[in-house]
């Protein structure tokens, strides 16, 4: 079954530009995908420095 994405939220702890910004080696990111039926999938990504 295919679901259509309603919204995609990507949040970074550091407030730097993703493209053309300074490299950040100790940042974490959260991704939240919401589908049209309002179901959600959440993922958190960590850098090795923060583990």
N, C-alpha and C. Protein backbone atom coordinates (compact mmCIF):
# COMPACT_ATOMS: atom_id res chain seq x y z
N UNK A 1 0.84 -1.17 0.00
CA UNK A 1 0.00 0.00 0.00
C UNK A 1 0.89 1.25 0.00
N UNK A 2 0.63 2.14 -0.92
CA UNK A 2 1.38 3.39 -0.99
C UNK A 2 0.62 4.48 -0.26
N UNK A 3 1.36 5.27 0.50
CA UNK A 3 0.78 6.41 1.22
C UNK A 3 1.39 7.68 0.67
N UNK A 4 0.60 8.73 0.61
CA UNK A 4 1.11 10.03 0.17
C UNK A 4 1.55 10.83 1.39
N UNK A 5 2.69 11.48 1.24
CA UNK A 5 3.24 12.29 2.32
C UNK A 5 2.50 13.62 2.39
N UNK A 6 2.05 13.93 3.59
CA UNK A 6 1.37 15.20 3.85
C UNK A 6 2.37 16.28 4.24
N UNK A 7 3.33 15.91 5.11
CA UNK A 7 4.36 16.87 5.51
C UNK A 7 5.63 16.13 5.91
N UNK A 8 6.73 16.86 5.80
CA UNK A 8 8.04 16.33 6.16
C UNK A 8 8.74 17.38 7.01
N UNK A 9 9.15 17.00 8.22
CA UNK A 9 9.79 17.92 9.16
C UNK A 9 11.21 17.42 9.40
N UNK A 10 12.18 18.26 9.14
CA UNK A 10 13.58 17.93 9.42
C UNK A 10 14.13 19.02 10.33
N UNK A 11 14.59 18.61 11.49
CA UNK A 11 15.08 19.57 12.48
C UNK A 11 16.50 19.20 12.89
N UNK A 12 17.33 20.20 12.97
CA UNK A 12 18.72 20.02 13.38
C UNK A 12 18.95 20.76 14.69
N UNK A 13 19.75 20.18 15.56
CA UNK A 13 20.06 20.85 16.83
C UNK A 13 20.88 22.11 16.59
N UNK A 14 21.84 22.02 15.70
CA UNK A 14 22.68 23.17 15.36
C UNK A 14 21.95 24.05 14.36
N UNK A 15 22.13 25.33 14.45
CA UNK A 15 21.47 26.27 13.54
C UNK A 15 22.47 26.76 12.50
N UNK A 16 22.91 25.86 11.63
CA UNK A 16 23.84 26.23 10.56
C UNK A 16 23.25 25.80 9.23
N UNK A 17 23.72 26.41 8.18
CA UNK A 17 23.23 26.06 6.85
C UNK A 17 23.65 24.65 6.48
N UNK A 18 22.74 23.89 5.89
CA UNK A 18 23.06 22.52 5.46
C UNK A 18 23.97 22.57 4.24
N UNK A 19 23.65 23.45 3.29
CA UNK A 19 24.45 23.58 2.08
C UNK A 19 25.26 24.87 2.19
N UNK A 20 26.56 24.75 2.08
CA UNK A 20 27.42 25.93 2.11
C UNK A 20 27.76 26.43 3.49
N UNK A 21 27.31 25.74 4.52
CA UNK A 21 27.61 26.15 5.89
C UNK A 21 28.87 25.46 6.39
N UNK A 22 29.21 25.72 7.62
CA UNK A 22 30.36 25.07 8.24
C UNK A 22 30.02 23.62 8.57
N UNK A 23 30.97 22.70 8.39
CA UNK A 23 30.69 21.30 8.73
C UNK A 23 30.50 21.14 10.24
N UNK A 24 29.48 20.42 10.61
CA UNK A 24 29.18 20.17 12.02
C UNK A 24 29.29 18.67 12.24
N UNK A 25 30.18 18.26 13.13
CA UNK A 25 30.44 16.84 13.34
C UNK A 25 29.75 16.30 14.58
N UNK A 26 29.10 17.16 15.35
CA UNK A 26 28.44 16.69 16.57
C UNK A 26 26.97 17.10 16.61
N UNK A 27 26.31 17.03 15.49
CA UNK A 27 24.92 17.45 15.38
C UNK A 27 23.99 16.24 15.39
N UNK A 28 22.78 16.43 15.85
CA UNK A 28 21.74 15.42 15.79
C UNK A 28 20.59 15.97 14.97
N UNK A 29 19.83 15.09 14.33
CA UNK A 29 18.69 15.52 13.53
C UNK A 29 17.49 14.65 13.83
N UNK A 30 16.31 15.26 13.73
CA UNK A 30 15.05 14.55 13.89
C UNK A 30 14.26 14.72 12.60
N UNK A 31 13.69 13.61 12.12
CA UNK A 31 12.86 13.63 10.92
C UNK A 31 11.49 13.08 11.28
N UNK A 32 10.44 13.83 10.94
CA UNK A 32 9.07 13.38 11.17
C UNK A 32 8.33 13.42 9.83
N UNK A 33 7.80 12.28 9.43
CA UNK A 33 7.02 12.18 8.20
C UNK A 33 5.56 11.97 8.60
N UNK A 34 4.68 12.82 8.12
CA UNK A 34 3.24 12.69 8.37
C UNK A 34 2.56 12.38 7.04
N UNK A 35 1.75 11.33 7.05
CA UNK A 35 1.04 10.93 5.85
C UNK A 35 -0.37 11.51 5.83
N UNK A 36 -1.03 11.43 4.68
CA UNK A 36 -2.37 12.00 4.52
C UNK A 36 -3.38 11.43 5.50
N UNK A 37 -3.18 10.19 5.97
CA UNK A 37 -4.10 9.60 6.94
C UNK A 37 -3.72 9.98 8.38
N UNK A 38 -2.80 10.94 8.52
CA UNK A 38 -2.30 11.47 9.80
C UNK A 38 -1.46 10.48 10.60
N UNK A 39 -1.02 9.39 10.00
CA UNK A 39 -0.06 8.52 10.67
C UNK A 39 1.32 9.15 10.55
N UNK A 40 2.19 8.89 11.54
CA UNK A 40 3.51 9.51 11.60
C UNK A 40 4.60 8.45 11.70
N UNK A 41 5.75 8.78 11.15
CA UNK A 41 6.97 8.01 11.36
C UNK A 41 8.02 9.01 11.81
N UNK A 42 8.77 8.62 12.84
CA UNK A 42 9.77 9.51 13.42
C UNK A 42 11.11 8.80 13.44
N UNK A 43 12.17 9.52 13.12
CA UNK A 43 13.53 8.97 13.19
C UNK A 43 14.45 10.03 13.77
N UNK A 44 15.41 9.58 14.57
CA UNK A 44 16.43 10.46 15.12
C UNK A 44 17.78 9.96 14.64
N UNK A 45 18.59 10.87 14.14
CA UNK A 45 19.91 10.53 13.64
C UNK A 45 20.96 11.20 14.52
N UNK A 46 21.95 10.42 14.95
CA UNK A 46 23.02 10.90 15.82
C UNK A 46 24.35 10.78 15.10
N UNK A 47 25.25 11.71 15.39
CA UNK A 47 26.62 11.57 14.90
C UNK A 47 27.40 10.70 15.89
N UNK A 48 28.48 10.13 15.43
CA UNK A 48 29.31 9.29 16.30
C UNK A 48 29.84 10.05 17.51
N UNK A 49 30.08 11.33 17.35
CA UNK A 49 30.60 12.14 18.45
C UNK A 49 29.63 12.15 19.63
N UNK A 50 28.34 12.08 19.35
CA UNK A 50 27.33 12.16 20.40
C UNK A 50 26.90 10.80 20.96
N UNK A 51 27.50 9.73 20.51
CA UNK A 51 27.13 8.41 21.03
C UNK A 51 27.96 8.02 22.22
